[in-house]
PDB file of N, CA and C in Angstrom:
ATOM      1  N   MET A   1    -101.316  88.452 -69.263  1.00  0.00           N
ATOM      2  CA  MET A   1    -100.066  88.252 -69.957  1.00  0.00           C
ATOM      3  C   MET A   1    -100.237  87.139 -70.992  1.00  0.00           C
ATOM      4  N   VAL A   2     -99.781  87.371 -72.178  1.00  0.00           N
ATOM      5  CA  VAL A   2     -99.844  86.384 -73.247  1.00  0.00           C
ATOM      6  C   VAL A   2     -98.709  85.387 -73.060  1.00  0.00           C
ATOM      7  N   ARG A   3     -99.054  84.098 -73.159  1.00  0.00           N
ATOM      8  CA  ARG A   3     -98.045  83.040 -73.082  1.00  0.00           C
ATOM      9  C   ARG A   3     -98.076  82.252 -74.380  1.00  0.00           C
ATOM     10  N   ILE A   4     -96.892  81.954 -74.885  1.00  0.00           N
ATOM     11  CA  ILE A   4     -96.764  81.213 -76.130  1.00  0.00           C
ATOM     12  C   ILE A   4     -95.974  79.946 -75.861  1.00  0.00           C
ATOM     13  N   SER A   5     -96.490  78.829 -76.368  1.00  0.00           N
ATOM     14  CA  SER A   5     -95.738  77.575 -76.267  1.00  0.00           C
ATOM     15  C   SER A   5     -95.806  76.873 -77.610  1.00  0.00           C
ATOM     16  N   TYR A   6     -94.849  75.978 -77.830  1.00  0.00           N
ATOM     17  CA  TYR A   6     -94.776  75.262 -79.099  1.00  0.00           C
ATOM     18  C   TYR A   6     -94.443  73.808 -78.835  1.00  0.00           C
ATOM     19  N   ASP A   7     -95.184  72.927 -79.455  1.00  0.00           N
ATOM     20  CA  ASP A   7     -94.940  71.489 -79.383  1.00  0.00           C
ATOM     21  C   ASP A   7     -94.328  71.074 -80.725  1.00  0.00           C
ATOM     22  N   PRO A   8     -93.006  70.863 -80.759  1.00  0.00           N
ATOM     23  CA  PRO A   8     -92.370  70.538 -82.035  1.00  0.00           C
ATOM     24  C   PRO A   8     -92.787  69.183 -82.607  1.00  0.00           C
ATOM     25  N   ASP A   9     -93.136  68.234 -81.753  1.00  0.00           N
ATOM     26  CA  ASP A   9     -93.562  66.918 -82.247  1.00  0.00           C
ATOM     27  C   ASP A   9     -94.891  67.012 -82.999  1.00  0.00           C
ATOM     28  N   ALA A  10     -95.804  67.801 -82.473  1.00  0.00           N
ATOM     29  CA  ALA A  10     -97.117  67.964 -83.105  1.00  0.00           C
ATOM     30  C   ALA A  10     -97.143  69.166 -84.050  1.00  0.00           C
ATOM     31  N   ASP A  11     -96.118  70.028 -83.989  1.00  0.00           N
ATOM     32  CA  ASP A  11     -96.029  71.261 -84.774  1.00  0.00           C
ATOM     33  C   ASP A  11     -97.233  72.161 -84.506  1.00  0.00           C
ATOM     34  N   ILE A  12     -97.532  72.332 -83.201  1.00  0.00           N
ATOM     35  CA  ILE A  12     -98.649  73.181 -82.785  1.00  0.00           C
ATOM     36  C   ILE A  12     -98.124  74.359 -81.971  1.00  0.00           C
ATOM     37  N   LEU A  13     -98.506  75.553 -82.399  1.00  0.00           N
ATOM     38  CA  LEU A  13     -98.202  76.774 -81.660  1.00  0.00           C
ATOM     39  C   LEU A  13     -99.439  77.130 -80.848  1.00  0.00           C
ATOM     40  N   TYR A  14     -99.267  77.333 -79.538  1.00  0.00           N
ATOM     41  CA  TYR A  14    -100.378  77.640 -78.640  1.00  0.00           C
ATOM     42  C   TYR A  14    -100.152  79.027 -78.052  1.00  0.00           C
ATOM     43  N   VAL A  15    -101.111  79.901 -78.240  1.00  0.00           N
ATOM     44  CA  VAL A  15    -101.034  81.268 -77.725  1.00  0.00           C
ATOM     45  C   VAL A  15    -102.163  81.454 -76.717  1.00  0.00           C
ATOM     46  N   GLU A  16    -101.781  81.559 -75.437  1.00  0.00           N
ATOM     47  CA  GLU A  16    -102.783  81.788 -74.394  1.00  0.00           C
ATOM     48  C   GLU A  16    -102.938  83.284 -74.206  1.00  0.00           C
ATOM     49  N   LEU A  17    -104.136  83.767 -74.418  1.00  0.00           N
ATOM     50  CA  LEU A  17    -104.410  85.201 -74.335  1.00  0.00           C
ATOM     51  C   LEU A  17    -104.848  85.642 -72.945  1.00  0.00           C
ATOM     52  N   ARG A  18    -105.644  84.796 -72.304  1.00  0.00           N
ATOM     53  CA  ARG A  18    -106.157  85.104 -70.967  1.00  0.00           C
ATOM     54  C   ARG A  18    -106.232  83.818 -70.169  1.00  0.00           C
ATOM     55  N   ASP A  19    -106.101  83.930 -68.879  1.00  0.00           N
ATOM     56  CA  ASP A  19    -106.170  82.776 -67.993  1.00  0.00           C
ATOM     57  C   ASP A  19    -107.626  82.530 -67.596  1.00  0.00           C
ATOM     58  N   GLU A  20    -108.392  82.048 -68.558  1.00  0.00           N
ATOM     59  CA  GLU A  20    -109.823  81.780 -68.361  1.00  0.00           C
ATOM     60  C   GLU A  20    -110.126  80.381 -68.869  1.00  0.00           C
ATOM     61  N   LYS A  21    -111.229  79.828 -68.422  1.00  0.00           N
ATOM     62  CA  LYS A  21    -111.674  78.519 -68.901  1.00  0.00           C
ATOM     63  C   LYS A  21    -112.319  78.664 -70.272  1.00  0.00           C
ATOM     64  N   GLU A  22    -112.047  77.700 -71.118  1.00  0.00           N
ATOM     65  CA  GLU A  22    -112.676  77.703 -72.435  1.00  0.00           C
ATOM     66  C   GLU A  22    -114.063  77.077 -72.348  1.00  0.00           C
ATOM     67  N   ALA A  23    -114.993  77.626 -73.120  1.00  0.00           N
ATOM     68  CA  ALA A  23    -116.351  77.099 -73.144  1.00  0.00           C
ATOM     69  C   ALA A  23    -116.689  76.525 -74.514  1.00  0.00           C
ATOM     70  N   ASP A  24    -115.949  76.964 -75.537  1.00  0.00           N
ATOM     71  CA  ASP A  24    -116.250  76.518 -76.889  1.00  0.00           C
ATOM     72  C   ASP A  24    -114.996  76.658 -77.742  1.00  0.00           C
ATOM     73  N   VAL A  25    -115.027  76.013 -78.893  1.00  0.00           N
ATOM     74  CA  VAL A  25    -113.901  76.060 -79.822  1.00  0.00           C
ATOM     75  C   VAL A  25    -114.434  76.410 -81.204  1.00  0.00           C
ATOM     76  N   ILE A  26    -113.779  77.353 -81.855  1.00  0.00           N
ATOM     77  CA  ILE A  26    -114.116  77.730 -83.219  1.00  0.00           C
ATOM     78  C   ILE A  26    -112.960  77.286 -84.107  1.00  0.00           C
ATOM     79  N   SER A  27    -113.224  76.399 -85.050  1.00  0.00           N
ATOM     80  CA  SER A  27    -112.188  75.911 -85.959  1.00  0.00           C
ATOM     81  C   SER A  27    -112.161  76.767 -87.213  1.00  0.00           C
ATOM     82  N   ILE A  28    -110.939  77.171 -87.594  1.00  0.00           N
ATOM     83  CA  ILE A  28    -110.743  77.980 -88.791  1.00  0.00           C
ATOM     84  C   ILE A  28    -109.524  77.412 -89.512  1.00  0.00           C
ATOM     85  N   GLY A  29    -109.741  76.583 -90.499  1.00  0.00           N
ATOM     86  CA  GLY A  29    -108.630  75.969 -91.223  1.00  0.00           C
ATOM     87  C   GLY A  29    -107.723  75.176 -90.291  1.00  0.00           C
ATOM     88  N   ASP A  30    -106.440  75.524 -90.263  1.00  0.00           N
ATOM     89  CA  ASP A  30    -105.465  74.855 -89.408  1.00  0.00           C
ATOM     90  C   ASP A  30    -105.349  75.519 -88.036  1.00  0.00           C
ATOM     91  N   ALA A  31    -106.398  76.178 -87.599  1.00  0.00           N
ATOM     92  CA  ALA A  31    -106.356  76.859 -86.307  1.00  0.00           C
ATOM     93  C   ALA A  31    -107.655  76.631 -85.542  1.00  0.00           C
ATOM     94  N   GLU A  32    -107.545  76.773 -84.237  1.00  0.00           N
ATOM     95  CA  GLU A  32    -108.717  76.751 -83.369  1.00  0.00           C
ATOM     96  C   GLU A  32    -108.640  77.955 -82.455  1.00  0.00           C
ATOM     97  N   VAL A  33    -109.747  78.639 -82.305  1.00  0.00           N
ATOM     98  CA  VAL A  33    -109.852  79.742 -81.356  1.00  0.00           C
ATOM     99  C   VAL A  33    -110.700  79.237 -80.202  1.00  0.00           C
ATOM    100  N   LEU A  34    -110.104  79.203 -79.023  1.00  0.00           N
ATOM    101  CA  LEU A  34    -110.817  78.767 -77.828  1.00  0.00           C
ATOM    102  C   LEU A  34    -111.440  80.006 -77.196  1.00  0.00           C
ATOM    103  N   VAL A  35    -112.747  79.946 -76.923  1.00  0.00           N
ATOM    104  CA  VAL A  35    -113.462  81.115 -76.415  1.00  0.00           C
ATOM    105  C   VAL A  35    -114.128  80.801 -75.081  1.00  0.00           C
ATOM    106  N   ASP A  36    -114.377  81.864 -74.308  1.00  0.00           N
ATOM    107  CA  ASP A  36    -115.066  81.687 -73.029  1.00  0.00           C
ATOM    108  C   ASP A  36    -116.573  81.670 -73.260  1.00  0.00           C
ATOM    109  N   GLY A  37    -117.338  81.642 -72.201  1.00  0.00           N
ATOM    110  CA  GLY A  37    -118.787  81.569 -72.291  1.00  0.00           C
ATOM    111  C   GLY A  37    -119.446  82.747 -72.972  1.00  0.00           C
ATOM    112  N   GLU A  38    -118.722  83.863 -73.068  1.00  0.00           N
ATOM    113  CA  GLU A  38    -119.260  85.055 -73.722  1.00  0.00           C
ATOM    114  C   GLU A  38    -118.724  85.228 -75.139  1.00  0.00           C
ATOM    115  N   GLY A  39    -117.968  84.211 -75.611  1.00  0.00           N
ATOM    116  CA  GLY A  39    -117.443  84.261 -76.973  1.00  0.00           C
ATOM    117  C   GLY A  39    -116.145  85.026 -77.132  1.00  0.00           C
ATOM    118  N   ARG A  40    -115.528  85.415 -76.014  1.00  0.00           N
ATOM    119  CA  ARG A  40    -114.262  86.142 -76.079  1.00  0.00           C
ATOM    120  C   ARG A  40    -113.100  85.156 -76.193  1.00  0.00           C
ATOM    121  N   PRO A  41    -112.127  85.432 -77.067  1.00  0.00           N
ATOM    122  CA  PRO A  41    -110.992  84.531 -77.230  1.00  0.00           C
ATOM    123  C   PRO A  41    -110.197  84.345 -75.938  1.00  0.00           C
ATOM    124  N   VAL A  42    -109.870  83.099 -75.659  1.00  0.00           N
ATOM    125  CA  VAL A  42    -109.056  82.728 -74.503  1.00  0.00           C
ATOM    126  C   VAL A  42    -107.669  82.282 -74.969  1.00  0.00           C
ATOM    127  N   ALA A  43    -107.642  81.535 -76.078  1.00  0.00           N
ATOM    128  CA  ALA A  43    -106.385  81.020 -76.614  1.00  0.00           C
ATOM    129  C   ALA A  43    -106.560  80.692 -78.089  1.00  0.00           C
ATOM    130  N   ILE A  44    -105.409  80.535 -78.758  1.00  0.00           N
ATOM    131  CA  ILE A  44    -105.397  80.158 -80.167  1.00  0.00           C
ATOM    132  C   ILE A  44    -104.409  79.016 -80.338  1.00  0.00           C
ATOM    133  N   GLU A  45    -104.824  77.970 -81.035  1.00  0.00           N
ATOM    134  CA  GLU A  45    -103.937  76.872 -81.406  1.00  0.00           C
ATOM    135  C   GLU A  45    -103.756  76.915 -82.913  1.00  0.00           C
ATOM    136  N   ILE A  46    -102.501  76.870 -83.355  1.00  0.00           N
ATOM    137  CA  ILE A  46    -102.217  76.855 -84.789  1.00  0.00           C
ATOM    138  C   ILE A  46    -101.501  75.557 -85.103  1.00  0.00           C
ATOM    139  N   TRP A  47    -102.145  74.704 -85.896  1.00  0.00           N
ATOM    140  CA  TRP A  47    -101.562  73.427 -86.287  1.00  0.00           C
ATOM    141  C   TRP A  47    -100.673  73.639 -87.499  1.00  0.00           C
ATOM    142  N   ASN A  48     -99.687  72.761 -87.671  1.00  0.00           N
ATOM    143  CA  ASN A  48     -98.736  72.880 -88.782  1.00  0.00           C
ATOM    144  C   ASN A  48     -98.103  74.269 -88.783  1.00  0.00           C
ATOM    145  N   ALA A  49     -97.771  74.745 -87.595  1.00  0.00           N
ATOM    146  CA  ALA A  49     -97.306  76.122 -87.414  1.00  0.00           C
ATOM    147  C   ALA A  49     -96.085  76.459 -88.262  1.00  0.00           C
ATOM    148  N   SER A  50     -95.142  75.537 -88.364  1.00  0.00           N
ATOM    149  CA  SER A  50     -93.932  75.837 -89.127  1.00  0.00           C
ATOM    150  C   SER A  50     -94.221  75.970 -90.617  1.00  0.00           C
ATOM    151  N   LYS A  51     -95.336  75.430 -91.060  1.00  0.00           N
ATOM    152  CA  LYS A  51     -95.703  75.517 -92.479  1.00  0.00           C
ATOM    153  C   LYS A  51     -96.502  76.782 -92.807  1.00  0.00           C
ATOM    154  N   HIS A  52     -96.834  77.555 -91.788  1.00  0.00           N
ATOM    155  CA  HIS A  52     -97.634  78.763 -91.984  1.00  0.00           C
ATOM    156  C   HIS A  52     -96.815  80.031 -91.768  1.00  0.00           C
ATOM    157  N   GLY A  53     -95.508  79.955 -91.971  1.00  0.00           N
ATOM    158  CA  GLY A  53     -94.669  81.142 -91.864  1.00  0.00           C
ATOM    159  C   GLY A  53     -94.409  81.596 -90.447  1.00  0.00           C
ATOM    160  N   LEU A  54     -94.563  80.706 -89.478  1.00  0.00           N
ATOM    161  CA  LEU A  54     -94.358  81.078 -88.089  1.00  0.00           C
ATOM    162  C   LEU A  54     -93.019  80.586 -87.560  1.00  0.00           C
ATOM    163  N   LYS A  55     -92.108  80.239 -88.445  1.00  0.00           N
ATOM    164  CA  LYS A  55     -90.811  79.684 -88.056  1.00  0.00           C
ATOM    165  C   LYS A  55     -90.035  80.644 -87.147  1.00  0.00           C
ATOM    166  N   GLU A  56     -90.080  81.942 -87.430  1.00  0.00           N
ATOM    167  CA  GLU A  56     -89.343  82.912 -86.616  1.00  0.00           C
ATOM    168  C   GLU A  56     -89.863  82.954 -85.189  1.00  0.00           C
ATOM    169  N   ILE A  57     -91.180  82.905 -85.025  1.00  0.00           N
ATOM    170  CA  ILE A  57     -91.766  82.912 -83.688  1.00  0.00           C
ATOM    171  C   ILE A  57     -91.417  81.629 -82.958  1.00  0.00           C
ATOM    172  N   ILE A  58     -91.516  80.510 -83.664  1.00  0.00           N
ATOM    173  CA  ILE A  58     -91.261  79.203 -83.060  1.00  0.00           C
ATOM    174  C   ILE A  58     -89.831  79.090 -82.564  1.00  0.00           C
ATOM    175  N   THR A  59     -88.872  79.608 -83.306  1.00  0.00           N
ATOM    176  CA  THR A  59     -87.460  79.449 -82.952  1.00  0.00           C
ATOM    177  C   THR A  59     -86.935  80.555 -82.048  1.00  0.00           C
ATOM    178  N   ASP A  60     -87.726  81.586 -81.773  1.00  0.00           N
ATOM    179  CA  ASP A  60     -87.293  82.674 -80.899  1.00  0.00           C
ATOM    180  C   ASP A  60     -87.541  82.267 -79.449  1.00  0.00           C
ATOM    181  N   ALA A  61     -86.508  81.769 -78.784  1.00  0.00           N
ATOM    182  CA  ALA A  61     -86.634  81.229 -77.422  1.00  0.00           C
ATOM    183  C   ALA A  61     -87.082  82.268 -76.416  1.00  0.00           C
ATOM    184  N   SER A  62     -86.978  83.542 -76.734  1.00  0.00           N
ATOM    185  CA  SER A  62     -87.365  84.575 -75.778  1.00  0.00           C
ATOM    186  C   SER A  62     -88.875  84.664 -75.587  1.00  0.00           C
ATOM    187  N   VAL A  63     -89.656  84.123 -76.522  1.00  0.00           N
ATOM    188  CA  VAL A  63     -91.108  84.208 -76.381  1.00  0.00           C
ATOM    189  C   VAL A  63     -91.773  82.846 -76.220  1.00  0.00           C
ATOM    190  N   ILE A  64     -91.029  81.792 -76.359  1.00  0.00           N
ATOM    191  CA  ILE A  64     -91.603  80.452 -76.291  1.00  0.00           C
ATOM    192  C   ILE A  64     -91.329  79.826 -74.929  1.00  0.00           C
ATOM    193  N   GLU A  65     -92.357  79.218 -74.356  1.00  0.00           N
ATOM    194  CA  GLU A  65     -92.180  78.477 -73.101  1.00  0.00           C
ATOM    195  C   GLU A  65     -91.841  77.045 -73.435  1.00  0.00           C
TER     196      GLU A  65
END
């Protein structure tokens, strides 16, 4: 199950894709993709989320923890 959380103070949107331990981080601009030991995505962090057109997701309480 995908879980989404948002930290308004840091303006970071966190999308957990799988409940696995991260082994590495791939940085891509204002985002980080956390991957497991086999390189499969575990989670995504998006910094400055409100500035990247994600305002609708951030403010939709039905999907944010």
